[in-house]
Amino acid sequence: MRYGRDAMNHPSPSPAMPGKIIPENNHLRIPRIPGLCTGLVNRLDDFCWERRLGVSTSGRRPVNFDDAQPYEAVPYYLNFKLFERVGLRPNDVMVDLGSGEGRAVCAASLLPLKEVIGVEIDPELHAAAERNAGRVRGRRAPIRLICGSATEFNFAGVTALFLFNPFGPATMQKVLDRLHASIEADPREVRIVYVNAVCSHLFQATPWLELYDQWKMSPWSRIKTPVHFLRTI
Protein backbone atom coordinates (compact mmCIF):
# COMPACT_ATOMS: atom_id res chain seq x y z
CA MET A 1 0.00 0.00 0.00
CA ARG A 2 1.36 3.42 -0.95
CA TYR A 3 0.79 6.51 1.09
CA GLY A 4 1.10 10.20 0.38
CA ARG A 5 0.76 12.05 -2.91
CA ASP A 6 3.24 12.41 -5.72
CA ALA A 7 1.83 15.61 -7.19
CA MET A 8 5.22 17.27 -6.80
CA ASN A 9 8.83 16.13 -7.03
CA HIS A 10 10.33 14.10 -4.21
CA PRO A 11 13.92 13.00 -3.62
CA SER A 12 15.09 9.76 -5.07
CA PRO A 13 17.80 7.62 -3.48
CA SER A 14 21.35 8.65 -4.23
CA PRO A 15 22.81 6.56 -7.06
CA ALA A 16 24.74 3.50 -5.96
CA MET A 17 28.42 4.33 -6.09
CA PRO A 18 31.49 2.42 -4.98
CA GLY A 19 33.20 3.60 -1.84
CA LYS A 20 31.98 5.47 1.17
CA ILE A 21 29.17 8.03 0.91
CA ILE A 22 30.18 11.44 2.20
CA PRO A 23 27.46 12.71 4.53
CA GLU A 24 25.90 16.06 3.73
CA ASN A 25 23.50 18.15 5.76
CA ASN A 26 23.38 21.32 3.73
CA HIS A 27 20.17 23.32 3.96
CA LEU A 28 19.42 25.19 0.76
CA ARG A 29 18.00 28.68 0.74
CA ILE A 30 14.74 27.78 -0.98
CA PRO A 31 13.38 30.44 -3.36
CA ARG A 32 10.15 32.05 -2.20
CA ILE A 33 7.76 30.60 -4.81
CA PRO A 34 8.86 26.91 -4.55
CA GLY A 35 8.93 27.24 -0.76
CA LEU A 36 5.42 28.65 -0.57
CA CYS A 37 4.00 26.11 -3.03
CA THR A 38 5.53 23.00 -1.47
CA GLY A 39 4.78 24.25 2.04
CA LEU A 40 1.13 24.79 1.15
CA VAL A 41 0.85 21.33 -0.38
CA ASN A 42 2.35 19.79 2.77
CA ARG A 43 -0.03 21.70 5.05
CA LEU A 44 -3.07 20.68 3.02
CA ASP A 45 -1.89 17.08 2.92
CA ASP A 46 -1.26 17.08 6.68
CA PHE A 47 -4.75 18.49 7.30
CA CYS A 48 -6.32 15.71 5.22
CA TRP A 49 -4.35 13.00 7.03
CA GLU A 50 -5.25 14.41 10.44
CA ARG A 51 -8.93 14.31 9.53
CA ARG A 52 -8.61 10.84 8.03
CA LEU A 53 -6.83 9.36 11.07
CA GLY A 54 -8.80 11.31 13.68
CA VAL A 55 -5.69 12.70 15.40
CA SER A 56 -4.22 16.11 16.19
CA THR A 57 -0.42 16.32 15.97
CA SER A 58 0.27 19.67 14.30
CA GLY A 59 2.09 22.67 15.72
CA ARG A 60 5.46 23.60 17.17
CA ARG A 61 6.45 24.06 20.79
CA PRO A 62 9.61 24.09 22.93
CA VAL A 63 10.70 21.07 24.94
CA ASN A 64 12.12 22.31 28.24
CA PHE A 65 14.68 19.60 28.89
CA ASP A 66 18.45 19.76 28.56
CA ASP A 67 19.73 19.06 25.04
CA ALA A 68 16.19 18.64 23.64
CA GLN A 69 15.09 20.25 20.39
CA PRO A 70 11.66 21.93 19.97
CA TYR A 71 8.79 19.71 18.90
CA GLU A 72 7.68 20.13 15.32
CA ALA A 73 5.72 17.51 13.43
CA VAL A 74 7.31 16.14 10.27
CA PRO A 75 4.92 16.17 7.26
CA TYR A 76 2.96 12.97 6.75
CA TYR A 77 4.30 12.88 3.22
CA LEU A 78 7.86 12.57 4.50
CA ASN A 79 6.92 9.93 7.08
CA PHE A 80 5.35 7.70 4.45
CA LYS A 81 8.26 8.20 2.04
CA LEU A 82 10.70 7.19 4.78
CA PHE A 83 8.70 4.08 5.71
CA GLU A 84 8.66 3.10 2.04
CA ARG A 85 12.38 3.75 1.51
CA VAL A 86 13.45 1.79 4.61
CA GLY A 87 11.17 -1.08 3.63
CA LEU A 88 9.43 -1.68 6.95
CA ARG A 89 8.39 -5.33 7.27
CA PRO A 90 5.89 -7.25 9.43
CA ASN A 91 8.66 -8.45 11.77
CA ASP A 92 10.04 -4.95 12.35
CA VAL A 93 9.97 -3.17 15.69
CA MET A 94 10.10 0.53 14.84
CA VAL A 95 10.92 3.19 17.44
CA ASP A 96 10.66 6.96 17.11
CA LEU A 97 12.91 8.78 19.59
CA GLY A 98 11.45 12.16 20.49
CA SER A 99 8.00 11.09 19.31
CA GLY A 100 6.24 14.29 20.39
CA GLU A 101 2.48 14.12 19.92
CA GLY A 102 2.83 10.82 18.07
CA ARG A 103 2.48 11.67 14.39
CA ALA A 104 5.18 9.28 13.13
CA VAL A 105 4.00 6.59 15.54
CA CYS A 106 0.38 6.87 14.41
CA ALA A 107 1.43 6.92 10.74
CA ALA A 108 3.64 3.84 11.16
CA SER A 109 0.82 1.99 12.95
CA LEU A 110 -1.06 1.91 9.64
CA LEU A 111 1.49 -0.69 8.51
CA PRO A 112 1.38 -4.34 9.66
CA LEU A 113 4.45 -4.12 11.91
CA LYS A 114 5.34 -6.19 14.96
CA GLU A 115 5.33 -3.08 17.17
CA VAL A 116 5.62 0.70 16.96
CA ILE A 117 7.21 2.51 19.90
CA GLY A 118 7.33 6.20 20.72
CA VAL A 119 9.74 7.64 23.29
CA GLU A 120 9.13 11.19 24.52
CA ILE A 121 10.65 12.96 27.50
CA ASP A 122 8.06 15.75 27.74
CA PRO A 123 5.01 14.62 29.80
CA GLU A 124 2.57 16.95 28.01
CA LEU A 125 3.63 15.79 24.57
CA HIS A 126 3.52 12.19 25.78
CA ALA A 127 -0.04 12.67 27.05
CA ALA A 128 -1.07 14.10 23.67
CA ALA A 129 0.53 11.12 21.93
CA GLU A 130 -1.44 8.74 24.15
CA ARG A 131 -4.68 10.47 23.18
CA ASN A 132 -3.80 10.28 19.50
CA ALA A 133 -2.73 6.64 19.67
CA GLY A 134 -5.99 5.78 21.38
CA ARG A 135 -8.14 7.18 18.59
CA VAL A 136 -6.08 6.69 15.42
CA ARG A 137 -8.18 5.07 12.70
CA GLY A 138 -6.95 2.17 10.59
CA ARG A 139 -4.28 0.97 13.00
CA ARG A 140 -2.67 -2.33 12.04
CA ALA A 141 0.25 -2.45 14.49
CA PRO A 142 0.36 -2.30 18.29
CA ILE A 143 1.60 1.01 19.73
CA ARG A 144 3.67 1.42 22.88
CA LEU A 145 4.41 4.88 24.24
CA ILE A 146 7.11 5.59 26.81
CA CYS A 147 7.56 8.83 28.74
CA GLY A 148 11.25 9.10 29.53
CA SER A 149 14.72 9.89 28.27
CA ALA A 150 16.02 8.24 25.11
CA THR A 151 19.26 7.63 27.03
CA GLU A 152 17.42 5.11 29.23
CA PHE A 153 15.43 3.34 26.53
CA ASN A 154 15.88 -0.42 26.17
CA PHE A 155 16.64 -1.09 22.49
CA ALA A 156 16.14 -4.87 22.77
CA GLY A 157 14.45 -6.14 19.63
CA VAL A 158 14.39 -2.79 17.84
CA THR A 159 15.12 -3.10 14.11
CA ALA A 160 14.21 0.36 12.78
CA LEU A 161 15.09 3.64 14.47
CA PHE A 162 13.71 7.03 13.43
CA LEU A 163 15.29 10.31 14.55
CA PHE A 164 13.85 13.67 13.58
CA ASN A 165 16.61 15.83 15.10
CA PRO A 166 15.23 15.23 18.61
CA PHE A 167 18.28 16.23 20.64
CA GLY A 168 21.88 17.39 20.56
CA PRO A 169 25.25 15.61 20.49
CA ALA A 170 25.54 14.84 24.21
CA THR A 171 22.30 12.86 24.23
CA MET A 172 22.91 11.39 20.79
CA GLN A 173 26.23 9.87 21.84
CA LYS A 174 24.63 8.21 24.85
CA VAL A 175 21.85 6.85 22.63
CA LEU A 176 24.36 5.44 20.14
CA ASP A 177 26.33 3.78 22.94
CA ARG A 178 23.18 2.23 24.35
CA LEU A 179 22.05 1.02 20.93
CA HIS A 180 25.48 -0.50 20.29
CA ALA A 181 25.36 -2.41 23.58
CA SER A 182 21.96 -3.82 22.59
CA ILE A 183 23.26 -4.94 19.19
CA GLU A 184 26.33 -6.56 20.73
CA ALA A 185 24.07 -8.50 23.11
CA ASP A 186 21.71 -9.50 20.29
CA PRO A 187 23.38 -9.16 16.84
CA ARG A 188 20.86 -7.98 14.23
CA GLU A 189 20.46 -5.47 11.46
CA VAL A 190 19.15 -2.11 12.57
CA ARG A 191 18.23 0.58 10.04
CA ILE A 192 18.34 4.21 11.11
CA VAL A 193 16.61 7.18 9.51
CA TYR A 194 18.04 10.51 10.63
CA VAL A 195 16.15 13.60 9.47
CA ASN A 196 18.02 16.93 9.71
CA ALA A 197 21.19 15.08 10.66
CA VAL A 198 22.96 17.80 12.63
CA CYS A 199 24.92 15.18 14.58
CA SER A 200 26.05 13.31 11.49
CA HIS A 201 29.68 13.58 12.65
CA LEU A 202 28.89 11.21 15.52
CA PHE A 203 27.47 8.61 13.14
CA GLN A 204 30.40 9.09 10.80
CA ALA A 205 32.75 8.24 13.67
CA THR A 206 30.80 5.08 14.56
CA PRO A 207 32.53 2.05 12.98
CA TRP A 208 29.54 -0.30 13.37
CA LEU A 209 27.26 1.89 11.22
CA GLU A 210 27.36 2.76 7.55
CA LEU A 211 25.67 5.59 5.67
CA TYR A 212 24.16 3.80 2.68
CA ASP A 213 21.94 6.52 1.27
CA GLN A 214 20.94 10.15 1.70
CA TRP A 215 18.34 12.54 0.34
CA LYS A 216 19.34 16.09 -0.45
CA MET A 217 17.15 19.15 -0.65
CA SER A 218 16.01 20.68 -3.92
CA PRO A 219 13.85 23.77 -4.53
CA TRP A 220 10.70 21.89 -5.53
CA SER A 221 11.06 18.99 -3.12
CA ARG A 222 8.36 18.60 -0.48
CA ILE A 223 11.08 17.34 1.87
CA LYS A 224 12.49 20.39 3.62
CA THR A 225 15.64 18.95 5.15
CA PRO A 226 18.40 16.45 4.24
CA VAL A 227 17.82 12.85 5.33
CA HIS A 228 20.45 10.21 6.15
CA PHE A 229 19.88 6.44 5.99
CA LEU A 230 22.21 4.24 8.02
CA ARG A 231 22.42 0.56 8.93
CA THR A 232 24.52 -1.71 11.08
CA ILE A 233 27.53 -3.36 9.49
C-alpha atoms as a PDB file:
ATOM      1  CA  MET A   1       0.000   0.000   0.000  1.00  0.00           C
ATOM      2  CA  ARG A   2       1.361   3.420  -0.950  1.00  0.00           C
ATOM      3  CA  TYR A   3       0.790   6.512   1.092  1.00  0.00           C
ATOM      4  CA  GLY A   4       1.100  10.201   0.377  1.00  0.00           C
ATOM      5  CA  ARG A   5       0.762  12.049  -2.908  1.00  0.00           C
ATOM      6  CA  ASP A   6       3.239  12.413  -5.723  1.00  0.00           C
ATOM      7  CA  ALA A   7       1.834  15.610  -7.192  1.00  0.00           C
ATOM      8  CA  MET A   8       5.222  17.273  -6.804  1.00  0.00           C
ATOM      9  CA  ASN A   9       8.827  16.133  -7.032  1.00  0.00           C
ATOM     10  CA  HIS A  10      10.326  14.101  -4.211  1.00  0.00           C
ATOM     11  CA  PRO A  11      13.919  13.003  -3.620  1.00  0.00           C
ATOM     12  CA  SER A  12      15.090   9.755  -5.075  1.00  0.00           C
ATOM     13  CA  PRO A  13      17.795   7.623  -3.479  1.00  0.00           C
ATOM     14  CA  SER A  14      21.354   8.652  -4.231  1.00  0.00           C
ATOM     15  CA  PRO A  15      22.814   6.557  -7.056  1.00  0.00           C
ATOM     16  CA  ALA A  16      24.735   3.497  -5.963  1.00  0.00           C
ATOM     17  CA  MET A  17      28.422   4.331  -6.092  1.00  0.00           C
ATOM     18  CA  PRO A  18      31.492   2.422  -4.985  1.00  0.00           C
ATOM     19  CA  GLY A  19      33.204   3.601  -1.841  1.00  0.00           C
ATOM     20  CA  LYS A  20      31.976   5.471   1.166  1.00  0.00           C
ATOM     21  CA  ILE A  21      29.174   8.029   0.915  1.00  0.00           C
ATOM     22  CA  ILE A  22      30.183  11.445   2.200  1.00  0.00           C
ATOM     23  CA  PRO A  23      27.457  12.709   4.535  1.00  0.00           C
ATOM     24  CA  GLU A  24      25.897  16.060   3.730  1.00  0.00           C
ATOM     25  CA  ASN A  25      23.498  18.155   5.760  1.00  0.00           C
ATOM     26  CA  ASN A  26      23.382  21.325   3.731  1.00  0.00           C
ATOM     27  CA  HIS A  27      20.171  23.323   3.957  1.00  0.00           C
ATOM     28  CA  LEU A  28      19.419  25.190   0.758  1.00  0.00           C
ATOM     29  CA  ARG A  29      17.999  28.676   0.743  1.00  0.00           C
ATOM     30  CA  ILE A  30      14.738  27.779  -0.976  1.00  0.00           C
ATOM     31  CA  PRO A  31      13.377  30.445  -3.362  1.00  0.00           C
ATOM     32  CA  ARG A  32      10.146  32.053  -2.203  1.00  0.00           C
ATOM     33  CA  ILE A  33       7.765  30.602  -4.810  1.00  0.00           C
ATOM     34  CA  PRO A  34       8.861  26.912  -4.548  1.00  0.00           C
ATOM     35  CA  GLY A  35       8.933  27.241  -0.761  1.00  0.00           C
ATOM     36  CA  LEU A  36       5.417  28.645  -0.572  1.00  0.00           C
ATOM     37  CA  CYS A  37       4.000  26.105  -3.027  1.00  0.00           C
ATOM     38  CA  THR A  38       5.530  22.995  -1.469  1.00  0.00           C
ATOM     39  CA  GLY A  39       4.781  24.254   2.044  1.00  0.00           C
ATOM     40  CA  LEU A  40       1.127  24.790   1.151  1.00  0.00           C
ATOM     41  CA  VAL A  41       0.854  21.327  -0.382  1.00  0.00           C
ATOM     42  CA  ASN A  42       2.348  19.785   2.769  1.00  0.00           C
ATOM     43  CA  ARG A  43      -0.025  21.698   5.052  1.00  0.00           C
ATOM     44  CA  LEU A  44      -3.069  20.683   3.024  1.00  0.00           C
ATOM     45  CA  ASP A  45      -1.889  17.082   2.921  1.00  0.00           C
ATOM     46  CA  ASP A  46      -1.265  17.083   6.684  1.00  0.00           C
ATOM     47  CA  PHE A  47      -4.751  18.488   7.302  1.00  0.00           C
ATOM     48  CA  CYS A  48      -6.317  15.712   5.220  1.00  0.00           C
ATOM     49  CA  TRP A  49      -4.353  12.997   7.029  1.00  0.00           C
ATOM     50  CA  GLU A  50      -5.253  14.413  10.440  1.00  0.00           C
ATOM     51  CA  ARG A  51      -8.928  14.307   9.531  1.00  0.00           C
ATOM     52  CA  ARG A  52      -8.606  10.841   8.028  1.00  0.00           C
ATOM     53  CA  LEU A  53      -6.828   9.365  11.066  1.00  0.00           C
ATOM     54  CA  GLY A  54      -8.799  11.309  13.681  1.00  0.00           C
ATOM     55  CA  VAL A  55      -5.693  12.699  15.398  1.00  0.00           C
ATOM     56  CA  SER A  56      -4.216  16.105  16.193  1.00  0.00           C
ATOM     57  CA  THR A  57      -0.415  16.315  15.968  1.00  0.00           C
ATOM     58  CA  SER A  58       0.274  19.674  14.298  1.00  0.00           C
ATOM     59  CA  GLY A  59       2.087  22.670  15.719  1.00  0.00           C
ATOM     60  CA  ARG A  60       5.457  23.598  17.169  1.00  0.00           C
ATOM     61  CA  ARG A  61       6.453  24.065  20.793  1.00  0.00           C
ATOM     62  CA  PRO A  62       9.613  24.085  22.925  1.00  0.00           C
ATOM     63  CA  VAL A  63      10.700  21.066  24.944  1.00  0.00           C
ATOM     64  CA  ASN A  64      12.123  22.308  28.236  1.00  0.00           C
ATOM     65  CA  PHE A  65      14.680  19.601  28.889  1.00  0.00           C
ATOM     66  CA  ASP A  66      18.449  19.762  28.562  1.00  0.00           C
ATOM     67  CA  ASP A  67      19.728  19.063  25.042  1.00  0.00           C
ATOM     68  CA  ALA A  68      16.187  18.645  23.644  1.00  0.00           C
ATOM     69  CA  GLN A  69      15.089  20.254  20.386  1.00  0.00           C
ATOM     70  CA  PRO A  70      11.665  21.930  19.965  1.00  0.00           C
ATOM     71  CA  TYR A  71       8.791  19.713  18.899  1.00  0.00           C
ATOM     72  CA  GLU A  72       7.678  20.128  15.316  1.00  0.00           C
ATOM     73  CA  ALA A  73       5.715  17.515  13.427  1.00  0.00           C
ATOM     74  CA  VAL A  74       7.310  16.143  10.266  1.00  0.00           C
ATOM     75  CA  PRO A  75       4.922  16.169   7.261  1.00  0.00           C
ATOM     76  CA  TYR A  76       2.964  12.972   6.754  1.00  0.00           C
ATOM     77  CA  TYR A  77       4.299  12.881   3.215  1.00  0.00           C
ATOM     78  CA  LEU A  78       7.856  12.571   4.496  1.00  0.00           C
ATOM     79  CA  ASN A  79       6.925   9.932   7.077  1.00  0.00           C
ATOM     80  CA  PHE A  80       5.353   7.704   4.451  1.00  0.00           C
ATOM     81  CA  LYS A  81       8.262   8.202   2.040  1.00  0.00           C
ATOM     82  CA  LEU A  82      10.699   7.190   4.782  1.00  0.00           C
ATOM     83  CA  PHE A  83       8.700   4.078   5.705  1.00  0.00           C
ATOM     84  CA  GLU A  84       8.659   3.099   2.036  1.00  0.00           C
ATOM     85  CA  ARG A  85      12.381   3.746   1.512  1.00  0.00           C
ATOM     86  CA  VAL A  86      13.453   1.793   4.608  1.00  0.00           C
ATOM     87  CA  GLY A  87      11.170  -1.075   3.630  1.00  0.00           C
ATOM     88  CA  LEU A  88       9.432  -1.684   6.946  1.00  0.00           C
ATOM     89  CA  ARG A  89       8.390  -5.331   7.268  1.00  0.00           C
ATOM     90  CA  PRO A  90       5.886  -7.246   9.434  1.00  0.00           C
ATOM     91  CA  ASN A  91       8.663  -8.448  11.766  1.00  0.00           C
ATOM     92  CA  ASP A  92      10.043  -4.951  12.350  1.00  0.00           C
ATOM     93  CA  VAL A  93       9.967  -3.167  15.694  1.00  0.00           C
ATOM     94  CA  MET A  94      10.105   0.528  14.844  1.00  0.00           C
ATOM     95  CA  VAL A  95      10.922   3.192  17.435  1.00  0.00           C
ATOM     96  CA  ASP A  96      10.661   6.961  17.112  1.00  0.00           C
ATOM     97  CA  LEU A  97      12.906   8.779  19.590  1.00  0.00           C
ATOM     98  CA  GLY A  98      11.447  12.160  20.486  1.00  0.00           C
ATOM     99  CA  SER A  99       7.999  11.094  19.308  1.00  0.00           C
ATOM    100  CA  GLY A 100       6.237  14.290  20.394  1.00  0.00           C
ATOM    101  CA  GLU A 101       2.481  14.117  19.917  1.00  0.00           C
ATOM    102  CA  GLY A 102       2.831  10.824  18.069  1.00  0.00           C
ATOM    103  CA  ARG A 103       2.480  11.670  14.385  1.00  0.00           C
ATOM    104  CA  ALA A 104       5.180   9.275  13.130  1.00  0.00           C
ATOM    105  CA  VAL A 105       4.000   6.589  15.539  1.00  0.00           C
ATOM    106  CA  CYS A 106       0.382   6.874  14.407  1.00  0.00           C
ATOM    107  CA  ALA A 107       1.427   6.922  10.743  1.00  0.00           C
ATOM    108  CA  ALA A 108       3.635   3.837  11.164  1.00  0.00           C
ATOM    109  CA  SER A 109       0.822   1.991  12.950  1.00  0.00           C
ATOM    110  CA  LEU A 110      -1.061   1.908   9.639  1.00  0.00           C
ATOM    111  CA  LEU A 111       1.485  -0.691   8.515  1.00  0.00           C
ATOM    112  CA  PRO A 112       1.378  -4.342   9.664  1.00  0.00           C
ATOM    113  CA  LEU A 113       4.451  -4.116  11.914  1.00  0.00           C
ATOM    114  CA  LYS A 114       5.341  -6.186  14.957  1.00  0.00           C
ATOM    115  CA  GLU A 115       5.328  -3.085  17.173  1.00  0.00           C
ATOM    116  CA  VAL A 116       5.617   0.695  16.960  1.00  0.00           C
ATOM    117  CA  ILE A 117       7.213   2.508  19.902  1.00  0.00           C
ATOM    118  CA  GLY A 118       7.334   6.198  20.719  1.00  0.00           C
ATOM    119  CA  VAL A 119       9.744   7.638  23.293  1.00  0.00           C
ATOM    120  CA  GLU A 120       9.125  11.190  24.518  1.00  0.00           C
ATOM    121  CA  ILE A 121      10.652  12.959  27.503  1.00  0.00           C
ATOM    122  CA  ASP A 122       8.062  15.751  27.745  1.00  0.00           C
ATOM    123  CA  PRO A 123       5.008  14.616  29.800  1.00  0.00           C
ATOM    124  CA  GLU A 124       2.566  16.952  28.014  1.00  0.00           C
ATOM    125  CA  LEU A 125       3.633  15.791  24.568  1.00  0.00           C
ATOM    126  CA  HIS A 126       3.520  12.185  25.777  1.00  0.00           C
ATOM    127  CA  ALA A 127      -0.042  12.674  27.047  1.00  0.00           C
ATOM    128  CA  ALA A 128      -1.067  14.101  23.668  1.00  0.00           C
ATOM    129  CA  ALA A 129       0.526  11.121  21.928  1.00  0.00           C
ATOM    130  CA  GLU A 130      -1.440   8.740  24.151  1.00  0.00           C
ATOM    131  CA  ARG A 131      -4.685  10.469  23.182  1.00  0.00           C
ATOM    132  CA  ASN A 132      -3.803  10.280  19.498  1.00  0.00           C
ATOM    133  CA  ALA A 133      -2.729   6.639  19.673  1.00  0.00           C
ATOM    134  CA  GLY A 134      -5.992   5.784  21.378  1.00  0.00           C
ATOM    135  CA  ARG A 135      -8.141   7.181  18.588  1.00  0.00           C
ATOM    136  CA  VAL A 136      -6.075   6.690  15.416  1.00  0.00           C
ATOM    137  CA  ARG A 137      -8.183   5.071  12.703  1.00  0.00           C
ATOM    138  CA  GLY A 138      -6.946   2.168  10.589  1.00  0.00           C
ATOM    139  CA  ARG A 139      -4.277   0.974  13.003  1.00  0.00           C
ATOM    140  CA  ARG A 140      -2.671  -2.333  12.038  1.00  0.00           C
ATOM    141  CA  ALA A 141       0.252  -2.447  14.489  1.00  0.00           C
ATOM    142  CA  PRO A 142       0.361  -2.295  18.287  1.00  0.00           C
ATOM    143  CA  ILE A 143       1.598   1.005  19.731  1.00  0.00           C
ATOM    144  CA  ARG A 144       3.672   1.417  22.884  1.00  0.00           C
ATOM    145  CA  LEU A 145       4.412   4.877  24.242  1.00  0.00           C
ATOM    146  CA  ILE A 146       7.114   5.591  26.812  1.00  0.00           C
ATOM    147  CA  CYS A 147       7.560   8.835  28.740  1.00  0.00           C
ATOM    148  CA  GLY A 148      11.246   9.100  29.530  1.00  0.00           C
ATOM    149  CA  SER A 149      14.722   9.891  28.272  1.00  0.00           C
ATOM    150  CA  ALA A 150      16.019   8.243  25.113  1.00  0.00           C
ATOM    151  CA  THR A 151      19.256   7.628  27.032  1.00  0.00           C
ATOM    152  CA  GLU A 152      17.422   5.114  29.230  1.00  0.00           C
ATOM    153  CA  PHE A 153      15.431   3.343  26.534  1.00  0.00           C
ATOM    154  CA  ASN A 154      15.885  -0.421  26.166  1.00  0.00           C
ATOM    155  CA  PHE A 155      16.640  -1.088  22.488  1.00  0.00           C
ATOM    156  CA  ALA A 156      16.145  -4.871  22.772  1.00  0.00           C
ATOM    157  CA  GLY A 157      14.445  -6.145  19.631  1.00  0.00           C
ATOM    158  CA  VAL A 158      14.385  -2.788  17.837  1.00  0.00           C
ATOM    159  CA  THR A 159      15.119  -3.099  14.110  1.00  0.00           C
ATOM    160  CA  ALA A 160      14.209   0.364  12.777  1.00  0.00           C
ATOM    161  CA  LEU A 161      15.086   3.640  14.466  1.00  0.00           C
ATOM    162  CA  PHE A 162      13.712   7.032  13.425  1.00  0.00           C
ATOM    163  CA  LEU A 163      15.292  10.309  14.547  1.00  0.00           C
ATOM    164  CA  PHE A 164      13.849  13.673  13.580  1.00  0.00           C
ATOM    165  CA  ASN A 165      16.612  15.833  15.098  1.00  0.00           C
ATOM    166  CA  PRO A 166      15.228  15.227  18.605  1.00  0.00           C
ATOM    167  CA  PHE A 167      18.285  16.230  20.637  1.00  0.00           C
ATOM    168  CA  GLY A 168      21.876  17.388  20.557  1.00  0.00           C
ATOM    169  CA  PRO A 169      25.247  15.614  20.491  1.00  0.00           C
ATOM    170  CA  ALA A 170      25.539  14.840  24.215  1.00  0.00           C
ATOM    171  CA  THR A 171      22.298  12.865  24.235  1.00  0.00           C
ATOM    172  CA  MET A 172      22.911  11.394  20.792  1.00  0.00           C
ATOM    173  CA  GLN A 173      26.228   9.869  21.838  1.00  0.00           C
ATOM    174  CA  LYS A 174      24.628   8.211  24.853  1.00  0.00           C
ATOM    175  CA  VAL A 175      21.851   6.851  22.633  1.00  0.00           C
ATOM    176  CA  LEU A 176      24.358   5.441  20.145  1.00  0.00           C
ATOM    177  CA  ASP A 177      26.334   3.783  22.938  1.00  0.00           C
ATOM    178  CA  ARG A 178      23.178   2.231  24.350  1.00  0.00           C
ATOM    179  CA  LEU A 179      22.050   1.022  20.927  1.00  0.00           C
ATOM    180  CA  HIS A 180      25.484  -0.500  20.291  1.00  0.00           C
ATOM    181  CA  ALA A 181      25.358  -2.413  23.584  1.00  0.00           C
ATOM    182  CA  SER A 182      21.959  -3.821  22.594  1.00  0.00           C
ATOM    183  CA  ILE A 183      23.258  -4.943  19.189  1.00  0.00           C
ATOM    184  CA  GLU A 184      26.328  -6.563  20.727  1.00  0.00           C
ATOM    185  CA  ALA A 185      24.072  -8.501  23.113  1.00  0.00           C
ATOM    186  CA  ASP A 186      21.715  -9.495  20.288  1.00  0.00           C
ATOM    187  CA  PRO A 187      23.375  -9.156  16.841  1.00  0.00           C
ATOM    188  CA  ARG A 188      20.862  -7.983  14.231  1.00  0.00           C
ATOM    189  CA  GLU A 189      20.461  -5.472  11.456  1.00  0.00           C
ATOM    190  CA  VAL A 190      19.147  -2.107  12.568  1.00  0.00           C
ATOM    191  CA  ARG A 191      18.225   0.577  10.038  1.00  0.00           C
ATOM    192  CA  ILE A 192      18.335   4.211  11.115  1.00  0.00           C
ATOM    193  CA  VAL A 193      16.612   7.184   9.514  1.00  0.00           C
ATOM    194  CA  TYR A 194      18.044  10.514  10.627  1.00  0.00           C
ATOM    195  CA  VAL A 195      16.151  13.601   9.473  1.00  0.00           C
ATOM    196  CA  ASN A 196      18.022  16.926   9.707  1.00  0.00           C
ATOM    197  CA  ALA A 197      21.194  15.080  10.661  1.00  0.00           C
ATOM    198  CA  VAL A 198      22.961  17.800  12.630  1.00  0.00           C
ATOM    199  CA  CYS A 199      24.924  15.185  14.579  1.00  0.00           C
ATOM    200  CA  SER A 200      26.053  13.305  11.490  1.00  0.00           C
ATOM    201  CA  HIS A 201      29.679  13.580  12.651  1.00  0.00           C
ATOM    202  CA  LEU A 202      28.889  11.206  15.519  1.00  0.00           C
ATOM    203  CA  PHE A 203      27.466   8.608  13.138  1.00  0.00           C
ATOM    204  CA  GLN A 204      30.405   9.090  10.802  1.00  0.00           C
ATOM    205  CA  ALA A 205      32.753   8.243  13.673  1.00  0.00           C
ATOM    206  CA  THR A 206      30.801   5.084  14.556  1.00  0.00           C
ATOM    207  CA  PRO A 207      32.530   2.048  12.983  1.00  0.00           C
ATOM    208  CA  TRP A 208      29.540  -0.295  13.369  1.00  0.00           C
ATOM    209  CA  LEU A 209      27.262   1.892  11.225  1.00  0.00           C
ATOM    210  CA  GLU A 210      27.363   2.761   7.546  1.00  0.00           C
ATOM    211  CA  LEU A 211      25.668   5.585   5.668  1.00  0.00           C
ATOM    212  CA  TYR A 212      24.158   3.799   2.680  1.00  0.00           C
ATOM    213  CA  ASP A 213      21.935   6.525   1.270  1.00  0.00           C
ATOM    214  CA  GLN A 214      20.936  10.148   1.705  1.00  0.00           C
ATOM    215  CA  TRP A 215      18.338  12.539   0.342  1.00  0.00           C
ATOM    216  CA  LYS A 216      19.343  16.094  -0.449  1.00  0.00           C
ATOM    217  CA  MET A 217      17.153  19.148  -0.653  1.00  0.00           C
ATOM    218  CA  SER A 218      16.008  20.679  -3.924  1.00  0.00           C
ATOM    219  CA  PRO A 219      13.852  23.769  -4.530  1.00  0.00           C
ATOM    220  CA  TRP A 220      10.695  21.889  -5.526  1.00  0.00           C
ATOM    221  CA  SER A 221      11.061  18.989  -3.120  1.00  0.00           C
ATOM    222  CA  ARG A 222       8.358  18.598  -0.485  1.00  0.00           C
ATOM    223  CA  ILE A 223      11.075  17.342   1.867  1.00  0.00           C
ATOM    224  CA  LYS A 224      12.489  20.387   3.623  1.00  0.00           C
ATOM    225  CA  THR A 225      15.638  18.949   5.151  1.00  0.00           C
ATOM    226  CA  PRO A 226      18.397  16.450   4.242  1.00  0.00           C
ATOM    227  CA  VAL A 227      17.820  12.855   5.334  1.00  0.00           C
ATOM    228  CA  HIS A 228      20.451  10.211   6.148  1.00  0.00           C
ATOM    229  CA  PHE A 229      19.884   6.441   5.985  1.00  0.00           C
ATOM    230  CA  LEU A 230      22.205   4.241   8.020  1.00  0.00           C
ATOM    231  CA  ARG A 231      22.423   0.565   8.926  1.00  0.00           C
ATOM    232  CA  THR A 232      24.517  -1.705  11.078  1.00  0.00           C
ATOM    233  CA  ILE A 233      27.531  -3.362   9.491  1.00  0.00           C
END
